[in-house]
Structures are given as structure tokens and as C-alpha cells.
PDB file of N, CA and C in Angstrom:
ATOM      1  N   MET A   1      16.072 -24.369  -6.459  1.00  0.00           N
ATOM      2  CA  MET A   1      15.653 -23.414  -7.450  1.00  0.00           C
ATOM      3  C   MET A   1      16.425 -23.686  -8.742  1.00  0.00           C
ATOM      4  N   ASP A   2      15.681 -23.700  -9.875  1.00  0.00           N
ATOM      5  CA  ASP A   2      16.335 -23.834 -11.170  1.00  0.00           C
ATOM      6  C   ASP A   2      17.065 -22.538 -11.494  1.00  0.00           C
ATOM      7  N   THR A   3      18.093 -22.655 -12.289  1.00  0.00           N
ATOM      8  CA  THR A   3      18.859 -21.469 -12.671  1.00  0.00           C
ATOM      9  C   THR A   3      18.963 -21.406 -14.188  1.00  0.00           C
ATOM     10  N   ALA A   4      19.357 -20.240 -14.674  1.00  0.00           N
ATOM     11  CA  ALA A   4      19.576 -20.032 -16.098  1.00  0.00           C
ATOM     12  C   ALA A   4      20.863 -19.241 -16.285  1.00  0.00           C
ATOM     13  N   THR A   5      21.481 -19.434 -17.415  1.00  0.00           N
ATOM     14  CA  THR A   5      22.682 -18.680 -17.741  1.00  0.00           C
ATOM     15  C   THR A   5      22.267 -17.433 -18.508  1.00  0.00           C
ATOM     16  N   VAL A   6      22.845 -16.299 -18.133  1.00  0.00           N
ATOM     17  CA  VAL A   6      22.538 -15.031 -18.783  1.00  0.00           C
ATOM     18  C   VAL A   6      23.825 -14.474 -19.366  1.00  0.00           C
ATOM     19  N   ARG A   7      23.755 -14.025 -20.606  1.00  0.00           N
ATOM     20  CA  ARG A   7      24.924 -13.421 -21.238  1.00  0.00           C
ATOM     21  C   ARG A   7      24.773 -11.911 -21.200  1.00  0.00           C
ATOM     22  N   ILE A   8      25.789 -11.253 -20.679  1.00  0.00           N
ATOM     23  CA  ILE A   8      25.795  -9.795 -20.663  1.00  0.00           C
ATOM     24  C   ILE A   8      27.140  -9.340 -21.236  1.00  0.00           C
ATOM     25  N   PRO A   9      27.156  -8.145 -21.801  1.00  0.00           N
ATOM     26  CA  PRO A   9      28.429  -7.655 -22.344  1.00  0.00           C
ATOM     27  C   PRO A   9      29.515  -7.610 -21.259  1.00  0.00           C
ATOM     28  N   ALA A  10      30.746  -7.871 -21.673  1.00  0.00           N
ATOM     29  CA  ALA A  10      31.868  -7.955 -20.729  1.00  0.00           C
ATOM     30  C   ALA A  10      32.031  -6.685 -19.910  1.00  0.00           C
ATOM     31  N   GLU A  11      31.861  -5.515 -20.542  1.00  0.00           N
ATOM     32  CA  GLU A  11      32.057  -4.266 -19.796  1.00  0.00           C
ATOM     33  C   GLU A  11      31.002  -4.108 -18.691  1.00  0.00           C
ATOM     34  N   LYS A  12      29.779  -4.548 -18.957  1.00  0.00           N
ATOM     35  CA  LYS A  12      28.742  -4.480 -17.910  1.00  0.00           C
ATOM     36  C   LYS A  12      29.024  -5.510 -16.814  1.00  0.00           C
ATOM     37  N   ARG A  13      29.480  -6.685 -17.225  1.00  0.00           N
ATOM     38  CA  ARG A  13      29.843  -7.719 -16.252  1.00  0.00           C
ATOM     39  C   ARG A  13      30.937  -7.219 -15.326  1.00  0.00           C
ATOM     40  N   ASP A  14      31.938  -6.553 -15.889  1.00  0.00           N
ATOM     41  CA  ASP A  14      33.057  -6.066 -15.083  1.00  0.00           C
ATOM     42  C   ASP A  14      32.598  -5.028 -14.059  1.00  0.00           C
ATOM     43  N   VAL A  15      31.737  -4.109 -14.501  1.00  0.00           N
ATOM     44  CA  VAL A  15      31.212  -3.091 -13.574  1.00  0.00           C
ATOM     45  C   VAL A  15      30.377  -3.766 -12.492  1.00  0.00           C
ATOM     46  N   LEU A  16      29.567  -4.746 -12.899  1.00  0.00           N
ATOM     47  CA  LEU A  16      28.739  -5.466 -11.933  1.00  0.00           C
ATOM     48  C   LEU A  16      29.592  -6.192 -10.900  1.00  0.00           C
ATOM     49  N   LYS A  17      30.709  -6.774 -11.338  1.00  0.00           N
ATOM     50  CA  LYS A  17      31.628  -7.444 -10.401  1.00  0.00           C
ATOM     51  C   LYS A  17      32.187  -6.453  -9.382  1.00  0.00           C
ATOM     52  N   ILE A  18      32.537  -5.271  -9.854  1.00  0.00           N
ATOM     53  CA  ILE A  18      33.065  -4.245  -8.949  1.00  0.00           C
ATOM     54  C   ILE A  18      32.007  -3.854  -7.922  1.00  0.00           C
ATOM     55  N   ILE A  19      30.796  -3.602  -8.396  1.00  0.00           N
ATOM     56  CA  ILE A  19      29.715  -3.222  -7.488  1.00  0.00           C
ATOM     57  C   ILE A  19      29.440  -4.332  -6.485  1.00  0.00           C
ATOM     58  N   ALA A  20      29.398  -5.575  -6.968  1.00  0.00           N
ATOM     59  CA  ALA A  20      29.160  -6.713  -6.068  1.00  0.00           C
ATOM     60  C   ALA A  20      30.248  -6.800  -5.008  1.00  0.00           C
ATOM     61  N   GLY A  21      31.485  -6.538  -5.410  1.00  0.00           N
ATOM     62  CA  GLY A  21      32.586  -6.573  -4.445  1.00  0.00           C
ATOM     63  C   GLY A  21      32.457  -5.479  -3.402  1.00  0.00           C
ATOM     64  N   ILE A  22      32.097  -4.271  -3.846  1.00  0.00           N
ATOM     65  CA  ILE A  22      31.936  -3.157  -2.905  1.00  0.00           C
ATOM     66  C   ILE A  22      30.799  -3.443  -1.928  1.00  0.00           C
ATOM     67  N   GLU A  23      29.704  -4.000  -2.456  1.00  0.00           N
ATOM     68  CA  GLU A  23      28.533  -4.275  -1.612  1.00  0.00           C
ATOM     69  C   GLU A  23      28.654  -5.600  -0.861  1.00  0.00           C
ATOM     70  N   ARG A  24      29.709  -6.330  -1.139  1.00  0.00           N
ATOM     71  CA  ARG A  24      29.928  -7.644  -0.520  1.00  0.00           C
ATOM     72  C   ARG A  24      28.724  -8.560  -0.708  1.00  0.00           C
ATOM     73  N   THR A  25      28.313  -8.651  -1.957  1.00  0.00           N
ATOM     74  CA  THR A  25      27.196  -9.514  -2.326  1.00  0.00           C
ATOM     75  C   THR A  25      27.570 -10.248  -3.605  1.00  0.00           C
ATOM     76  N   GLU A  26      26.756 -11.166  -4.008  1.00  0.00           N
ATOM     77  CA  GLU A  26      27.029 -11.918  -5.224  1.00  0.00           C
ATOM     78  C   GLU A  26      26.310 -11.274  -6.407  1.00  0.00           C
ATOM     79  N   MET A  27      26.896 -11.425  -7.572  1.00  0.00           N
ATOM     80  CA  MET A  27      26.278 -10.857  -8.773  1.00  0.00           C
ATOM     81  C   MET A  27      24.892 -11.444  -9.003  1.00  0.00           C
ATOM     82  N   LYS A  28      24.704 -12.714  -8.700  1.00  0.00           N
ATOM     83  CA  LYS A  28      23.390 -13.327  -8.933  1.00  0.00           C
ATOM     84  C   LYS A  28      22.314 -12.684  -8.056  1.00  0.00           C
ATOM     85  N   GLU A  29      22.680 -12.227  -6.863  1.00  0.00           N
ATOM     86  CA  GLU A  29      21.709 -11.541  -6.009  1.00  0.00           C
ATOM     87  C   GLU A  29      21.324 -10.189  -6.599  1.00  0.00           C
ATOM     88  N   ILE A  30      22.313  -9.472  -7.118  1.00  0.00           N
ATOM     89  CA  ILE A  30      22.046  -8.179  -7.742  1.00  0.00           C
ATOM     90  C   ILE A  30      21.136  -8.371  -8.955  1.00  0.00           C
ATOM     91  N   LEU A  31      21.474  -9.352  -9.795  1.00  0.00           N
ATOM     92  CA  LEU A  31      20.663  -9.614 -10.984  1.00  0.00           C
ATOM     93  C   LEU A  31      19.258 -10.056 -10.622  1.00  0.00           C
ATOM     94  N   SER A  32      19.131 -10.871  -9.606  1.00  0.00           N
ATOM     95  CA  SER A  32      17.810 -11.318  -9.159  1.00  0.00           C
ATOM     96  C   SER A  32      16.966 -10.133  -8.686  1.00  0.00           C
ATOM     97  N   ASP A  33      17.580  -9.223  -7.923  1.00  0.00           N
ATOM     98  CA  ASP A  33      16.866  -8.026  -7.471  1.00  0.00           C
ATOM     99  C   ASP A  33      16.436  -7.157  -8.651  1.00  0.00           C
ATOM    100  N   LEU A  34      17.323  -6.998  -9.618  1.00  0.00           N
ATOM    101  CA  LEU A  34      16.996  -6.201 -10.800  1.00  0.00           C
ATOM    102  C   LEU A  34      15.847  -6.816 -11.586  1.00  0.00           C
ATOM    103  N   ILE A  35      15.859  -8.121 -11.721  1.00  0.00           N
ATOM    104  CA  ILE A  35      14.772  -8.810 -12.439  1.00  0.00           C
ATOM    105  C   ILE A  35      13.461  -8.650 -11.686  1.00  0.00           C
ATOM    106  N   ASP A  36      13.488  -8.787 -10.361  1.00  0.00           N
ATOM    107  CA  ASP A  36      12.274  -8.598  -9.561  1.00  0.00           C
ATOM    108  C   ASP A  36      11.701  -7.195  -9.746  1.00  0.00           C
ATOM    109  N   GLU A  37      12.572  -6.184  -9.741  1.00  0.00           N
ATOM    110  CA  GLU A  37      12.126  -4.803  -9.936  1.00  0.00           C
ATOM    111  C   GLU A  37      11.532  -4.618 -11.334  1.00  0.00           C
ATOM    112  N   TYR A  38      12.157  -5.203 -12.329  1.00  0.00           N
ATOM    113  CA  TYR A  38      11.675  -5.095 -13.707  1.00  0.00           C
ATOM    114  C   TYR A  38      10.290  -5.729 -13.847  1.00  0.00           C
ATOM    115  N   ILE A  39      10.124  -6.903 -13.284  1.00  0.00           N
ATOM    116  CA  ILE A  39       8.830  -7.594 -13.337  1.00  0.00           C
ATOM    117  C   ILE A  39       7.762  -6.758 -12.647  1.00  0.00           C
ATOM    118  N   GLU A  40       8.077  -6.212 -11.492  1.00  0.00           N
ATOM    119  CA  GLU A  40       7.105  -5.390 -10.751  1.00  0.00           C
ATOM    120  C   GLU A  40       6.686  -4.170 -11.568  1.00  0.00           C
ATOM    121  N   ARG A  41       7.640  -3.517 -12.239  1.00  0.00           N
ATOM    122  CA  ARG A  41       7.325  -2.341 -13.052  1.00  0.00           C
ATOM    123  C   ARG A  41       6.411  -2.685 -14.225  1.00  0.00           C
ATOM    124  N   HIS A  42       6.493  -3.908 -14.719  1.00  0.00           N
ATOM    125  CA  HIS A  42       5.724  -4.292 -15.898  1.00  0.00           C
ATOM    126  C   HIS A  42       4.498  -5.150 -15.580  1.00  0.00           C
ATOM    127  N   LYS A  43       4.234  -5.365 -14.310  1.00  0.00           N
ATOM    128  CA  LYS A  43       3.118  -6.220 -13.910  1.00  0.00           C
ATOM    129  C   LYS A  43       1.785  -5.687 -14.428  1.00  0.00           C
ATOM    130  N   GLU A  44       1.576  -4.374 -14.310  1.00  0.00           N
ATOM    131  CA  GLU A  44       0.315  -3.784 -14.761  1.00  0.00           C
ATOM    132  C   GLU A  44       0.139  -3.973 -16.270  1.00  0.00           C
ATOM    133  N   THR A  45       1.199  -3.789 -17.028  1.00  0.00           N
ATOM    134  CA  THR A  45       1.134  -3.990 -18.471  1.00  0.00           C
ATOM    135  C   THR A  45       0.772  -5.433 -18.790  1.00  0.00           C
ATOM    136  N   LEU A  46       1.366  -6.380 -18.082  1.00  0.00           N
ATOM    137  CA  LEU A  46       1.053  -7.788 -18.305  1.00  0.00           C
ATOM    138  C   LEU A  46      -0.412  -8.083 -17.993  1.00  0.00           C
ATOM    139  N   GLU A  47      -0.944  -7.474 -16.935  1.00  0.00           N
ATOM    140  CA  GLU A  47      -2.341  -7.679 -16.580  1.00  0.00           C
ATOM    141  C   GLU A  47      -3.263  -7.128 -17.659  1.00  0.00           C
ATOM    142  N   ILE A  48      -2.937  -5.945 -18.178  1.00  0.00           N
ATOM    143  CA  ILE A  48      -3.751  -5.343 -19.236  1.00  0.00           C
ATOM    144  C   ILE A  48      -3.705  -6.206 -20.494  1.00  0.00           C
ATOM    145  N   LEU A  49      -2.518  -6.623 -20.885  1.00  0.00           N
ATOM    146  CA  LEU A  49      -2.375  -7.395 -22.114  1.00  0.00           C
ATOM    147  C   LEU A  49      -2.923  -8.814 -21.996  1.00  0.00           C
ATOM    148  N   SER A  50      -3.147  -9.282 -20.783  1.00  0.00           N
ATOM    149  CA  SER A  50      -3.734 -10.612 -20.618  1.00  0.00           C
ATOM    150  C   SER A  50      -5.253 -10.571 -20.739  1.00  0.00           C
ATOM    151  N   ASN A  51      -5.837  -9.358 -20.834  1.00  0.00           N
ATOM    152  CA  ASN A  51      -7.281  -9.202 -20.995  1.00  0.00           C
ATOM    153  C   ASN A  51      -7.570  -8.937 -22.473  1.00  0.00           C
ATOM    154  N   PRO A  52      -8.149  -9.914 -23.192  1.00  0.00           N
ATOM    155  CA  PRO A  52      -8.385  -9.749 -24.631  1.00  0.00           C
ATOM    156  C   PRO A  52      -9.226  -8.514 -24.976  1.00  0.00           C
ATOM    157  N   GLU A  53     -10.169  -8.152 -24.118  1.00  0.00           N
ATOM    158  CA  GLU A  53     -10.997  -6.976 -24.387  1.00  0.00           C
ATOM    159  C   GLU A  53     -10.154  -5.702 -24.399  1.00  0.00           C
ATOM    160  N   TRP A  54      -9.238  -5.587 -23.452  1.00  0.00           N
ATOM    161  CA  TRP A  54      -8.375  -4.415 -23.398  1.00  0.00           C
ATOM    162  C   TRP A  54      -7.455  -4.366 -24.602  1.00  0.00           C
ATOM    163  N   VAL A  55      -6.934  -5.521 -24.994  1.00  0.00           N
ATOM    164  CA  VAL A  55      -6.046  -5.571 -26.157  1.00  0.00           C
ATOM    165  C   VAL A  55      -6.801  -5.104 -27.400  1.00  0.00           C
ATOM    166  N   ASP A  56      -8.061  -5.551 -27.547  1.00  0.00           N
ATOM    167  CA  ASP A  56      -8.874  -5.120 -28.687  1.00  0.00           C
ATOM    168  C   ASP A  56      -9.097  -3.613 -28.659  1.00  0.00           C
ATOM    169  N   LEU A  57      -9.414  -3.064 -27.492  1.00  0.00           N
ATOM    170  CA  LEU A  57      -9.647  -1.623 -27.379  1.00  0.00           C
ATOM    171  C   LEU A  57      -8.380  -0.828 -27.700  1.00  0.00           C
ATOM    172  N   ILE A  58      -7.258  -1.284 -27.198  1.00  0.00           N
ATOM    173  CA  ILE A  58      -5.986  -0.607 -27.462  1.00  0.00           C
ATOM    174  C   ILE A  58      -5.663  -0.660 -28.952  1.00  0.00           C
ATOM    175  N   THR A  59      -5.861  -1.821 -29.560  1.00  0.00           N
ATOM    176  CA  THR A  59      -5.583  -1.980 -30.988  1.00  0.00           C
ATOM    177  C   THR A  59      -6.484  -1.081 -31.819  1.00  0.00           C
ATOM    178  N   LYS A  60      -7.782  -1.042 -31.496  1.00  0.00           N
ATOM    179  CA  LYS A  60      -8.724  -0.184 -32.219  1.00  0.00           C
ATOM    180  C   LYS A  60      -8.329   1.283 -32.086  1.00  0.00           C
ATOM    181  N   GLY A  61      -7.995   1.709 -30.884  1.00  0.00           N
ATOM    182  CA  GLY A  61      -7.588   3.087 -30.659  1.00  0.00           C
ATOM    183  C   GLY A  61      -6.328   3.438 -31.429  1.00  0.00           C
ATOM    184  N   LYS A  62      -5.376   2.537 -31.430  1.00  0.00           N
ATOM    185  CA  LYS A  62      -4.119   2.757 -32.156  1.00  0.00           C
ATOM    186  C   LYS A  62      -4.394   2.875 -33.653  1.00  0.00           C
ATOM    187  N   ASN A  63      -5.250   1.998 -34.168  1.00  0.00           N
ATOM    188  CA  ASN A  63      -5.587   2.045 -35.594  1.00  0.00           C
ATOM    189  C   ASN A  63      -6.310   3.340 -35.953  1.00  0.00           C
ATOM    190  N   GLU A  64      -7.188   3.800 -35.065  1.00  0.00           N
ATOM    191  CA  GLU A  64      -7.899   5.059 -35.310  1.00  0.00           C
ATOM    192  C   GLU A  64      -6.914   6.222 -35.421  1.00  0.00           C
ATOM    193  N   VAL A  65      -5.989   6.278 -34.507  1.00  0.00           N
ATOM    194  CA  VAL A  65      -5.009   7.366 -34.509  1.00  0.00           C
ATOM    195  C   VAL A  65      -4.132   7.289 -35.760  1.00  0.00           C
ATOM    196  N   GLN A  66      -3.713   6.094 -36.128  1.00  0.00           N
ATOM    197  CA  GLN A  66      -2.859   5.926 -37.306  1.00  0.00           C
ATOM    198  C   GLN A  66      -3.588   6.271 -38.599  1.00  0.00           C
ATOM    199  N   SER A  67      -4.906   6.101 -38.600  1.00  0.00           N
ATOM    200  CA  SER A  67      -5.678   6.405 -39.810  1.00  0.00           C
ATOM    201  C   SER A  67      -6.013   7.888 -39.916  1.00  0.00           C
ATOM    202  N   GLY A  68      -5.583   8.662 -38.921  1.00  0.00           N
ATOM    203  CA  GLY A  68      -5.809  10.102 -38.971  1.00  0.00           C
ATOM    204  C   GLY A  68      -7.060  10.546 -38.228  1.00  0.00           C
ATOM    205  N   ALA A  69      -7.718   9.639 -37.562  1.00  0.00           N
ATOM    206  CA  ALA A  69      -8.905  10.003 -36.794  1.00  0.00           C
ATOM    207  C   ALA A  69      -8.517  10.932 -35.650  1.00  0.00           C
ATOM    208  N   LYS A  70      -9.455  11.729 -35.234  1.00  0.00           N
ATOM    209  CA  LYS A  70      -9.200  12.714 -34.190  1.00  0.00           C
ATOM    210  C   LYS A  70      -8.837  12.064 -32.862  1.00  0.00           C
ATOM    211  N   GLY A  71      -9.429  10.938 -32.572  1.00  0.00           N
ATOM    212  CA  GLY A  71      -9.223  10.305 -31.273  1.00  0.00           C
ATOM    213  C   GLY A  71     -10.288  10.755 -30.294  1.00  0.00           C
ATOM    214  N   LYS A  72     -10.089  10.517 -29.034  1.00  0.00           N
ATOM    215  CA  LYS A  72     -11.064  10.863 -28.001  1.00  0.00           C
ATOM    216  C   LYS A  72     -10.412  11.773 -26.975  1.00  0.00           C
ATOM    217  N   SER A  73     -11.225  12.623 -26.397  1.00  0.00           N
ATOM    218  CA  SER A  73     -10.744  13.502 -25.328  1.00  0.00           C
ATOM    219  C   SER A  73     -10.664  12.725 -24.028  1.00  0.00           C
ATOM    220  N   LEU A  74      -9.979  13.268 -23.051  1.00  0.00           N
ATOM    221  CA  LEU A  74      -9.893  12.620 -21.739  1.00  0.00           C
ATOM    222  C   LEU A  74     -11.276  12.464 -21.126  1.00  0.00           C
ATOM    223  N   GLU A  75     -12.140  13.449 -21.344  1.00  0.00           N
ATOM    224  CA  GLU A  75     -13.498  13.388 -20.794  1.00  0.00           C
ATOM    225  C   GLU A  75     -14.268  12.210 -21.394  1.00  0.00           C
ATOM    226  N   GLU A  76     -14.092  11.995 -22.718  1.00  0.00           N
ATOM    227  CA  GLU A  76     -14.775  10.874 -23.374  1.00  0.00           C
ATOM    228  C   GLU A  76     -14.243   9.528 -22.859  1.00  0.00           C
ATOM    229  N   LEU A  77     -12.977   9.477 -22.604  1.00  0.00           N
ATOM    230  CA  LEU A  77     -12.390   8.247 -22.090  1.00  0.00           C
ATOM    231  C   LEU A  77     -12.818   7.959 -20.666  1.00  0.00           C
ATOM    232  N   ALA A  78     -13.085   8.983 -19.893  1.00  0.00           N
ATOM    233  CA  ALA A  78     -13.475   8.820 -18.499  1.00  0.00           C
ATOM    234  C   ALA A  78     -14.896   8.274 -18.371  1.00  0.00           C
ATOM    235  N   ASP A  79     -15.729   8.505 -19.393  1.00  0.00           N
ATOM    236  CA  ASP A  79     -17.134   8.039 -19.338  1.00  0.00           C
ATOM    237  C   ASP A  79     -17.282   6.570 -19.499  1.00  0.00           C
TER     238      ASP A  79
END
């Protein structure tokens, strides 16, 4: 597996070292788990943003709201 170097503030690194010691695990395992959780939480967003049609709809809706348009009700969005 390829690896990468990650820079984190010293105070966070120190706390992470303490936690890793208490849990008897390596910091890289903790960081890997955290990254996996982060990716999972954002997977749906990535799927939406990878669809150009959805991006266009989101952009149009955002522009409408910013221009002062009323927007749409939940019922209108459900149709």
C-alpha cells in the first residue's frame, strides 16, 4: 500500500499519541479509520456532485434564492 505524509498540529499529534497508547494501537490505524469514516459521511455528496444534472439544478436553485426569488415548497420539490 502506498502511503502519504500528513501534517497535523503538534498539540493534536500529542493527544493522538496518548490515545493510541491507551488503546494500544498505532496512530496510522486511528487516522485511517477516521479517514474511512469521513469518506463514508461524504459519499452521498460526492455521488450527487458527480451528476452534472444535479449540479445544474443545485446551482439554479441557489441562484434563485440569492436573487430573492421565493423558492419552492417541499410539496413542489416532491413532485
